[in-house]
Amino acid sequence: MTAEVTHLAFMYGTLKTTEANHKVLFSRDPAGVTFIGEGQTVDLYPLVVTTPFNIPFLLHQENAGKKIHGEIYQISETTLRLLDEFEGHPDFYERRKVKAELLTDADGHHLRDGPKVLDVWLYCLPRFKKDLLDLPYLSTYRGDGVVAPKYKTYTPDIDGRLDKYLHEL
């Protein structure tokens, strides 16, 4: 009998435990998601919040930004495909393998032997307007903190595609 393939994924935005999209997405394949612990990226990335909807975007830009704090999950192949669909991979976001430090266990306790470096999947925005790099960089996203002054709820049917706010046209 062959064991199912699993992956490690790093969540830094609206898919984190306390954020708006967590329950919606992870309820589609509950057996395919296991919270491993809290972590942070080894490398620096620009994490910005923009659009009138206060959406976090991790920009693919080398040697810029901060270490990003997030949550690390073990996920099934099915959940990985659901995440790809949700994140618009590869057309909008791009899924990349990066290194992250696991800082705590699933109960929030710091690891006895210190951080453990893992290879994880992370979704980033590969194509974006360069002026997004002028926005403040965050290390941690919290959806309850209003960053952009024109916050409103994003409704795809009404507001259209997000790329008009982010990509060079």
N, C-alpha and C. Protein backbone atom coordinates (compact mmCIF):
# COMPACT_ATOMS: atom_id res chain seq x y z
N MET A 1 0.84 -1.18 0.00
CA MET A 1 0.00 0.00 0.00
C MET A 1 0.89 1.25 0.00
N THR A 2 0.61 2.19 -0.87
CA THR A 2 1.39 3.41 -1.01
C THR A 2 0.80 4.51 -0.14
N ALA A 3 1.64 5.18 0.62
CA ALA A 3 1.19 6.30 1.44
C ALA A 3 0.89 7.50 0.55
N GLU A 4 -0.13 8.28 0.95
CA GLU A 4 -0.48 9.46 0.17
C GLU A 4 0.64 10.50 0.28
N VAL A 5 0.91 11.16 -0.82
CA VAL A 5 1.92 12.21 -0.85
C VAL A 5 1.40 13.40 -0.05
N THR A 6 2.26 13.95 0.80
CA THR A 6 1.90 15.16 1.53
C THR A 6 2.94 16.24 1.27
N HIS A 7 2.56 17.45 1.56
CA HIS A 7 3.40 18.62 1.33
C HIS A 7 3.37 19.49 2.57
N LEU A 8 4.36 20.36 2.71
CA LEU A 8 4.34 21.39 3.73
C LEU A 8 4.05 22.72 3.05
N ALA A 9 3.13 23.48 3.62
CA ALA A 9 2.73 24.77 3.05
C ALA A 9 2.79 25.85 4.12
N PHE A 10 3.20 27.03 3.69
CA PHE A 10 3.37 28.18 4.59
C PHE A 10 2.25 29.18 4.31
N MET A 11 1.45 29.49 5.34
CA MET A 11 0.34 30.43 5.20
C MET A 11 0.68 31.71 5.96
N TYR A 12 0.61 32.85 5.28
CA TYR A 12 1.01 34.12 5.89
C TYR A 12 -0.10 35.17 5.86
N GLY A 13 -1.20 34.90 5.17
CA GLY A 13 -2.23 35.92 4.98
C GLY A 13 -3.60 35.47 5.41
N THR A 14 -4.56 35.60 4.51
CA THR A 14 -5.96 35.34 4.85
C THR A 14 -6.28 33.86 5.05
N LEU A 15 -5.31 32.98 4.82
CA LEU A 15 -5.52 31.54 5.04
C LEU A 15 -5.08 31.09 6.43
N LYS A 16 -4.51 31.99 7.23
CA LYS A 16 -4.09 31.63 8.59
C LYS A 16 -5.32 31.33 9.45
N THR A 17 -5.08 30.68 10.56
CA THR A 17 -6.14 30.19 11.45
C THR A 17 -7.18 31.25 11.80
N THR A 18 -6.77 32.45 12.14
CA THR A 18 -7.71 33.47 12.60
C THR A 18 -8.26 34.34 11.47
N GLU A 19 -7.92 34.04 10.24
CA GLU A 19 -8.29 34.93 9.14
C GLU A 19 -9.49 34.43 8.34
N ALA A 20 -10.02 35.32 7.52
CA ALA A 20 -11.30 35.12 6.85
C ALA A 20 -11.39 33.89 5.96
N ASN A 21 -10.36 33.56 5.22
CA ASN A 21 -10.45 32.46 4.26
C ASN A 21 -10.05 31.10 4.81
N HIS A 22 -9.60 31.03 6.04
CA HIS A 22 -9.11 29.77 6.61
C HIS A 22 -10.21 28.69 6.63
N LYS A 23 -11.33 28.99 7.23
CA LYS A 23 -12.39 27.98 7.39
C LYS A 23 -13.01 27.59 6.05
N VAL A 24 -13.19 28.56 5.20
CA VAL A 24 -13.80 28.27 3.90
C VAL A 24 -12.94 27.30 3.11
N LEU A 25 -11.66 27.59 3.03
CA LEU A 25 -10.78 26.75 2.22
C LEU A 25 -10.53 25.40 2.86
N PHE A 26 -10.18 25.38 4.14
CA PHE A 26 -9.79 24.12 4.76
C PHE A 26 -10.97 23.22 5.07
N SER A 27 -12.18 23.73 5.00
CA SER A 27 -13.35 22.87 5.20
C SER A 27 -13.62 22.00 3.98
N ARG A 28 -12.98 22.29 2.84
CA ARG A 28 -13.20 21.50 1.63
C ARG A 28 -12.51 20.15 1.68
N ASP A 29 -11.44 20.02 2.47
CA ASP A 29 -10.71 18.75 2.60
C ASP A 29 -10.13 18.67 4.01
N PRO A 30 -11.00 18.59 5.05
CA PRO A 30 -10.51 18.67 6.43
C PRO A 30 -9.49 17.59 6.79
N ALA A 31 -9.60 16.42 6.22
CA ALA A 31 -8.65 15.35 6.53
C ALA A 31 -7.29 15.61 5.90
N GLY A 32 -7.23 16.54 4.95
CA GLY A 32 -6.00 16.81 4.23
C GLY A 32 -5.18 17.96 4.77
N VAL A 33 -5.49 18.43 6.00
CA VAL A 33 -4.81 19.58 6.56
C VAL A 33 -4.44 19.31 8.02
N THR A 34 -3.16 19.45 8.35
CA THR A 34 -2.71 19.32 9.73
C THR A 34 -1.81 20.50 10.06
N PHE A 35 -2.17 21.24 11.10
CA PHE A 35 -1.35 22.36 11.55
C PHE A 35 -0.10 21.80 12.22
N ILE A 36 1.07 22.24 11.76
CA ILE A 36 2.35 21.77 12.30
C ILE A 36 2.87 22.73 13.37
N GLY A 37 2.77 24.03 13.10
CA GLY A 37 3.25 25.03 14.06
C GLY A 37 3.46 26.37 13.39
N GLU A 38 3.93 27.32 14.18
CA GLU A 38 4.22 28.65 13.67
C GLU A 38 5.65 28.69 13.14
N GLY A 39 5.85 29.57 12.16
CA GLY A 39 7.18 29.66 11.58
C GLY A 39 7.43 31.01 10.96
N GLN A 40 8.58 31.13 10.35
CA GLN A 40 8.93 32.33 9.60
C GLN A 40 9.82 31.94 8.44
N THR A 41 9.78 32.75 7.40
CA THR A 41 10.63 32.48 6.24
C THR A 41 12.10 32.70 6.63
N VAL A 42 12.97 31.94 6.02
CA VAL A 42 14.41 32.12 6.23
C VAL A 42 14.87 33.38 5.50
N ASP A 43 14.39 33.57 4.27
CA ASP A 43 14.76 34.72 3.46
C ASP A 43 13.80 35.88 3.70
N LEU A 44 14.20 37.05 3.23
CA LEU A 44 13.38 38.26 3.34
C LEU A 44 12.47 38.38 2.13
N TYR A 45 11.24 38.84 2.37
CA TYR A 45 10.28 39.09 1.30
C TYR A 45 9.49 40.35 1.62
N PRO A 46 9.09 41.12 0.58
CA PRO A 46 8.18 42.23 0.82
C PRO A 46 6.74 41.71 0.92
N LEU A 47 6.16 41.85 2.09
CA LEU A 47 4.75 41.55 2.32
C LEU A 47 4.05 42.89 2.47
N VAL A 48 3.15 43.18 1.54
CA VAL A 48 2.45 44.47 1.54
C VAL A 48 0.94 44.21 1.59
N VAL A 49 0.23 45.22 2.05
CA VAL A 49 -1.23 45.17 2.04
C VAL A 49 -1.68 46.30 1.14
N THR A 50 -2.52 45.96 0.16
CA THR A 50 -2.94 46.98 -0.80
C THR A 50 -4.30 46.62 -1.38
N THR A 51 -4.71 47.36 -2.33
CA THR A 51 -6.04 47.37 -2.96
C THR A 51 -7.02 47.97 -1.97
N PRO A 52 -8.18 48.39 -2.43
CA PRO A 52 -9.19 48.91 -1.51
C PRO A 52 -9.71 47.83 -0.55
N PHE A 53 -9.24 46.60 -0.70
CA PHE A 53 -9.78 45.48 0.07
C PHE A 53 -8.83 45.00 1.17
N ASN A 54 -7.70 45.69 1.37
CA ASN A 54 -6.71 45.32 2.40
C ASN A 54 -6.24 43.88 2.28
N ILE A 55 -5.88 43.47 1.08
CA ILE A 55 -5.43 42.10 0.84
C ILE A 55 -3.91 42.05 0.95
N PRO A 56 -3.37 41.03 1.65
CA PRO A 56 -1.92 40.90 1.73
C PRO A 56 -1.35 40.25 0.48
N PHE A 57 -0.21 40.76 0.04
CA PHE A 57 0.48 40.20 -1.12
C PHE A 57 1.95 40.05 -0.77
N LEU A 58 2.47 38.86 -0.96
CA LEU A 58 3.90 38.61 -0.80
C LEU A 58 4.50 38.73 -2.19
N LEU A 59 5.37 39.72 -2.37
CA LEU A 59 5.94 40.01 -3.68
C LEU A 59 7.21 39.19 -3.88
N HIS A 60 7.36 38.64 -5.08
CA HIS A 60 8.59 37.90 -5.37
C HIS A 60 9.65 38.91 -5.77
N GLN A 61 10.44 39.33 -4.79
CA GLN A 61 11.51 40.30 -5.00
C GLN A 61 12.67 39.90 -4.10
N GLU A 62 13.78 39.56 -4.72
CA GLU A 62 14.94 39.08 -3.95
C GLU A 62 15.56 40.21 -3.13
N ASN A 63 16.06 39.85 -1.95
CA ASN A 63 16.82 40.76 -1.08
C ASN A 63 16.05 42.01 -0.68
N ALA A 64 14.77 41.88 -0.46
CA ALA A 64 13.97 43.02 -0.01
C ALA A 64 12.97 42.52 1.02
N GLY A 65 12.56 43.40 1.91
CA GLY A 65 11.50 43.04 2.83
C GLY A 65 11.97 42.55 4.18
N LYS A 66 11.18 41.65 4.75
CA LYS A 66 11.40 41.13 6.10
C LYS A 66 11.18 39.63 6.10
N LYS A 67 11.62 38.99 7.18
CA LYS A 67 11.23 37.60 7.39
C LYS A 67 9.73 37.62 7.68
N ILE A 68 9.00 36.72 7.05
CA ILE A 68 7.55 36.71 7.16
C ILE A 68 7.12 35.64 8.17
N HIS A 69 6.28 36.04 9.11
CA HIS A 69 5.74 35.11 10.10
C HIS A 69 4.47 34.49 9.55
N GLY A 70 4.27 33.21 9.83
CA GLY A 70 3.08 32.53 9.35
C GLY A 70 2.88 31.20 10.04
N GLU A 71 2.06 30.38 9.41
CA GLU A 71 1.72 29.05 9.94
C GLU A 71 2.14 28.00 8.92
N ILE A 72 2.63 26.88 9.44
CA ILE A 72 3.07 25.79 8.57
C ILE A 72 2.10 24.63 8.74
N TYR A 73 1.65 24.11 7.60
CA TYR A 73 0.69 23.01 7.57
C TYR A 73 1.25 21.85 6.76
N GLN A 74 0.89 20.65 7.17
CA GLN A 74 1.09 19.48 6.33
C GLN A 74 -0.23 19.30 5.59
N ILE A 75 -0.16 19.23 4.26
CA ILE A 75 -1.38 19.16 3.46
C ILE A 75 -1.30 18.01 2.46
N SER A 76 -2.47 17.54 2.08
CA SER A 76 -2.57 16.46 1.10
C SER A 76 -2.39 17.02 -0.31
N GLU A 77 -2.20 16.11 -1.24
CA GLU A 77 -2.13 16.50 -2.66
C GLU A 77 -3.44 17.18 -3.08
N THR A 78 -4.57 16.67 -2.59
CA THR A 78 -5.88 17.27 -2.90
C THR A 78 -5.94 18.70 -2.40
N THR A 79 -5.50 18.93 -1.17
CA THR A 79 -5.52 20.28 -0.62
C THR A 79 -4.56 21.20 -1.37
N LEU A 80 -3.41 20.68 -1.78
CA LEU A 80 -2.48 21.49 -2.57
C LEU A 80 -3.14 21.95 -3.86
N ARG A 81 -3.87 21.07 -4.52
CA ARG A 81 -4.58 21.44 -5.76
C ARG A 81 -5.67 22.47 -5.48
N LEU A 82 -6.38 22.32 -4.34
CA LEU A 82 -7.39 23.31 -3.96
C LEU A 82 -6.74 24.68 -3.69
N LEU A 83 -5.59 24.67 -3.03
CA LEU A 83 -4.86 25.92 -2.80
C LEU A 83 -4.42 26.55 -4.12
N ASP A 84 -3.93 25.73 -5.04
CA ASP A 84 -3.53 26.24 -6.36
C ASP A 84 -4.70 26.94 -7.03
N GLU A 85 -5.85 26.31 -6.97
CA GLU A 85 -7.06 26.89 -7.58
C GLU A 85 -7.44 28.19 -6.87
N PHE A 86 -7.46 28.16 -5.55
CA PHE A 86 -7.84 29.33 -4.75
C PHE A 86 -6.90 30.51 -5.01
N GLU A 87 -5.60 30.23 -5.09
CA GLU A 87 -4.60 31.28 -5.25
C GLU A 87 -4.37 31.67 -6.71
N GLY A 88 -5.01 30.97 -7.64
CA GLY A 88 -4.85 31.30 -9.06
C GLY A 88 -3.48 30.92 -9.61
N HIS A 89 -2.91 29.86 -9.07
CA HIS A 89 -1.60 29.38 -9.53
C HIS A 89 -1.77 28.63 -10.84
N PRO A 90 -1.01 28.91 -11.86
CA PRO A 90 0.17 29.78 -11.92
C PRO A 90 -0.09 31.14 -12.56
N ASP A 91 -1.34 31.46 -12.86
CA ASP A 91 -1.63 32.68 -13.61
C ASP A 91 -1.58 33.96 -12.78
N PHE A 92 -1.97 33.88 -11.50
CA PHE A 92 -1.98 35.07 -10.64
C PHE A 92 -0.85 34.95 -9.63
N TYR A 93 -1.04 34.13 -8.64
CA TYR A 93 0.04 33.81 -7.71
C TYR A 93 0.87 32.67 -8.28
N GLU A 94 2.09 32.57 -7.79
CA GLU A 94 2.97 31.49 -8.19
C GLU A 94 3.36 30.72 -6.93
N ARG A 95 3.25 29.40 -7.01
CA ARG A 95 3.66 28.56 -5.87
C ARG A 95 5.14 28.27 -6.00
N ARG A 96 5.89 28.58 -4.94
CA ARG A 96 7.34 28.38 -4.95
C ARG A 96 7.76 27.61 -3.71
N LYS A 97 8.81 26.83 -3.85
CA LYS A 97 9.40 26.11 -2.72
C LYS A 97 10.42 27.05 -2.08
N VAL A 98 10.25 27.32 -0.78
CA VAL A 98 11.17 28.18 -0.04
C VAL A 98 11.53 27.50 1.28
N LYS A 99 12.48 28.07 1.97
CA LYS A 99 12.87 27.56 3.28
C LYS A 99 12.19 28.40 4.36
N ALA A 100 11.65 27.70 5.37
CA ALA A 100 11.03 28.37 6.51
C ALA A 100 11.51 27.69 7.78
N GLU A 101 11.59 28.48 8.84
CA GLU A 101 11.96 27.95 10.15
C GLU A 101 10.69 27.62 10.91
N LEU A 102 10.57 26.39 11.36
CA LEU A 102 9.48 26.00 12.26
C LEU A 102 9.91 26.45 13.65
N LEU A 103 9.13 27.35 14.27
CA LEU A 103 9.49 27.94 15.56
C LEU A 103 8.79 27.29 16.74
N THR A 104 7.55 26.82 16.51
CA THR A 104 6.77 26.21 17.60
C THR A 104 6.15 24.91 17.12
N ASP A 105 5.68 24.12 18.08
CA ASP A 105 4.89 22.95 17.72
C ASP A 105 3.44 23.39 17.55
N ALA A 106 2.57 22.45 17.29
CA ALA A 106 1.16 22.76 17.05
C ALA A 106 0.47 23.36 18.27
N ASP A 107 1.02 23.14 19.46
CA ASP A 107 0.45 23.69 20.69
C ASP A 107 1.03 25.05 21.06
N GLY A 108 1.91 25.58 20.22
CA GLY A 108 2.48 26.89 20.47
C GLY A 108 3.73 26.89 21.33
N HIS A 109 4.25 25.72 21.67
CA HIS A 109 5.47 25.64 22.48
C HIS A 109 6.70 25.74 21.57
N HIS A 110 7.68 26.55 22.00
CA HIS A 110 8.92 26.65 21.23
C HIS A 110 9.61 25.30 21.19
N LEU A 111 10.23 24.99 20.07
CA LEU A 111 10.90 23.71 19.90
C LEU A 111 12.11 23.61 20.83
N ARG A 112 12.21 22.51 21.50
CA ARG A 112 13.27 22.30 22.50
C ARG A 112 14.67 22.48 21.91
N ASP A 113 14.87 21.99 20.70
CA ASP A 113 16.19 22.07 20.07
C ASP A 113 16.35 23.29 19.17
N GLY A 114 15.46 24.25 19.29
CA GLY A 114 15.53 25.46 18.47
C GLY A 114 14.78 25.29 17.15
N PRO A 115 14.75 26.35 16.34
CA PRO A 115 14.03 26.30 15.07
C PRO A 115 14.54 25.19 14.16
N LYS A 116 13.62 24.64 13.39
CA LYS A 116 13.94 23.58 12.43
C LYS A 116 13.65 24.13 11.04
N VAL A 117 14.61 24.05 10.13
CA VAL A 117 14.44 24.57 8.77
C VAL A 117 13.75 23.51 7.90
N LEU A 118 12.68 23.94 7.23
CA LEU A 118 11.87 23.05 6.39
C LEU A 118 11.73 23.64 4.99
N ASP A 119 11.54 22.78 4.00
CA ASP A 119 11.17 23.22 2.66
C ASP A 119 9.65 23.25 2.60
N VAL A 120 9.09 24.41 2.27
CA VAL A 120 7.64 24.59 2.26
C VAL A 120 7.21 25.24 0.95
N TRP A 121 5.94 25.02 0.60
CA TRP A 121 5.34 25.75 -0.51
C TRP A 121 4.84 27.09 0.02
N LEU A 122 5.02 28.13 -0.79
CA LEU A 122 4.57 29.47 -0.45
C LEU A 122 4.05 30.11 -1.74
N TYR A 123 2.97 30.87 -1.64
CA TYR A 123 2.41 31.55 -2.81
C TYR A 123 2.86 33.01 -2.79
N CYS A 124 3.40 33.46 -3.94
CA CYS A 124 3.86 34.84 -4.05
C CYS A 124 3.39 35.43 -5.37
N LEU A 125 3.45 36.73 -5.44
CA LEU A 125 3.04 37.46 -6.63
C LEU A 125 4.29 37.72 -7.48
N PRO A 126 4.42 37.05 -8.63
CA PRO A 126 5.65 37.19 -9.42
C PRO A 126 5.68 38.45 -10.30
N ARG A 127 4.51 38.94 -10.70
CA ARG A 127 4.42 40.10 -11.58
C ARG A 127 3.59 41.16 -10.87
N PHE A 128 4.14 42.36 -10.74
CA PHE A 128 3.44 43.40 -9.99
C PHE A 128 3.96 44.77 -10.40
N LYS A 129 3.17 45.79 -10.13
CA LYS A 129 3.59 47.17 -10.37
C LYS A 129 4.73 47.48 -9.40
N LYS A 130 5.79 48.04 -9.92
CA LYS A 130 6.99 48.29 -9.10
C LYS A 130 6.72 49.24 -7.94
N ASP A 131 5.69 50.11 -8.05
CA ASP A 131 5.42 51.02 -6.94
C ASP A 131 4.87 50.29 -5.71
N LEU A 132 4.49 49.02 -5.85
CA LEU A 132 4.11 48.24 -4.67
C LEU A 132 5.29 48.07 -3.72
N LEU A 133 6.50 48.14 -4.26
CA LEU A 133 7.70 48.03 -3.42
C LEU A 133 7.90 49.27 -2.54
N ASP A 134 7.15 50.34 -2.82
CA ASP A 134 7.24 51.56 -2.00
C ASP A 134 6.31 51.52 -0.80
N LEU A 135 5.42 50.52 -0.75
CA LEU A 135 4.50 50.39 0.39
C LEU A 135 5.25 49.87 1.61
N PRO A 136 4.70 50.09 2.82
CA PRO A 136 5.34 49.55 4.02
C PRO A 136 5.37 48.02 3.98
N TYR A 137 6.49 47.46 4.40
CA TYR A 137 6.64 46.01 4.46
C TYR A 137 6.23 45.52 5.85
N LEU A 138 5.46 44.46 5.86
CA LEU A 138 5.02 43.83 7.11
C LEU A 138 5.80 42.55 7.33
N SER A 139 5.90 42.13 8.57
CA SER A 139 6.43 40.80 8.87
C SER A 139 5.29 39.86 9.24
N THR A 140 4.18 40.44 9.70
CA THR A 140 3.01 39.65 10.10
C THR A 140 1.75 40.32 9.58
N TYR A 141 0.88 39.54 8.96
CA TYR A 141 -0.41 40.06 8.50
C TYR A 141 -1.48 39.75 9.53
N ARG A 142 -2.29 40.76 9.83
CA ARG A 142 -3.47 40.57 10.67
C ARG A 142 -4.64 41.24 9.96
N GLY A 143 -5.66 40.47 9.64
CA GLY A 143 -6.79 40.99 8.90
C GLY A 143 -7.62 42.00 9.67
N ASP A 144 -7.50 42.01 11.00
CA ASP A 144 -8.29 42.97 11.77
C ASP A 144 -7.62 44.33 11.87
N GLY A 145 -6.42 44.45 11.35
CA GLY A 145 -5.73 45.73 11.35
C GLY A 145 -5.91 46.41 10.01
N VAL A 146 -6.60 47.53 9.98
CA VAL A 146 -6.84 48.23 8.72
C VAL A 146 -5.58 48.99 8.34
N VAL A 147 -5.03 48.67 7.19
CA VAL A 147 -3.80 49.30 6.72
C VAL A 147 -4.12 50.37 5.69
N ALA A 148 -4.92 50.01 4.69
CA ALA A 148 -5.29 50.97 3.64
C ALA A 148 -6.53 51.73 4.08
N PRO A 149 -6.57 53.04 3.88
CA PRO A 149 -7.69 53.83 4.37
C PRO A 149 -9.01 53.59 3.66
N LYS A 150 -9.00 53.00 2.45
CA LYS A 150 -10.23 52.82 1.70
C LYS A 150 -10.71 51.38 1.76
N TYR A 151 -10.66 50.78 2.93
CA TYR A 151 -11.02 49.37 3.10
C TYR A 151 -12.47 49.12 2.73
N LYS A 152 -12.70 48.07 1.95
CA LYS A 152 -14.04 47.58 1.67
C LYS A 152 -13.94 46.09 1.37
N THR A 153 -15.05 45.41 1.41
CA THR A 153 -15.08 43.97 1.15
C THR A 153 -14.91 43.70 -0.33
N TYR A 154 -14.03 42.75 -0.65
CA TYR A 154 -13.80 42.37 -2.04
C TYR A 154 -14.85 41.37 -2.48
N THR A 155 -15.54 41.69 -3.57
CA THR A 155 -16.54 40.81 -4.16
C THR A 155 -16.18 40.62 -5.62
N PRO A 156 -15.65 39.44 -5.99
CA PRO A 156 -15.16 39.24 -7.36
C PRO A 156 -16.18 39.58 -8.44
N ASP A 157 -17.44 39.23 -8.23
CA ASP A 157 -18.46 39.49 -9.25
C ASP A 157 -18.68 40.98 -9.49
N ILE A 158 -18.50 41.78 -8.46
CA ILE A 158 -18.71 43.23 -8.58
C ILE A 158 -17.41 43.95 -8.91
N ASP A 159 -16.34 43.58 -8.22
CA ASP A 159 -15.08 44.32 -8.31
C ASP A 159 -14.14 43.84 -9.41
N GLY A 160 -14.42 42.69 -9.99
CA GLY A 160 -13.56 42.19 -11.06
C GLY A 160 -12.28 41.56 -10.55
N ARG A 161 -11.37 41.35 -11.46
CA ARG A 161 -10.12 40.66 -11.13
C ARG A 161 -9.16 41.57 -10.36
N LEU A 162 -8.44 40.97 -9.41
CA LEU A 162 -7.49 41.72 -8.60
C LEU A 162 -6.27 42.18 -9.38
N ASP A 163 -5.95 41.49 -10.47
CA ASP A 163 -4.71 41.85 -11.18
C ASP A 163 -4.73 43.28 -11.71
N LYS A 164 -5.91 43.87 -11.90
CA LYS A 164 -5.94 45.25 -12.37
C LYS A 164 -5.36 46.22 -11.32
N TYR A 165 -5.34 45.80 -10.07
CA TYR A 165 -4.77 46.63 -9.01
C TYR A 165 -3.27 46.41 -8.85
N LEU A 166 -2.76 45.30 -9.37
CA LEU A 166 -1.42 44.86 -9.01
C LEU A 166 -0.44 44.75 -10.15
N HIS A 167 -0.90 44.38 -11.32
CA HIS A 167 0.00 44.08 -12.43
C HIS A 167 0.19 45.29 -13.33
N GLU A 168 1.35 45.32 -13.96
CA GLU A 168 1.57 46.32 -15.00
C GLU A 168 0.62 45.99 -16.15
N LEU A 169 -0.01 46.99 -16.68
CA LEU A 169 -0.97 46.75 -17.77
C LEU A 169 -0.34 46.99 -19.11
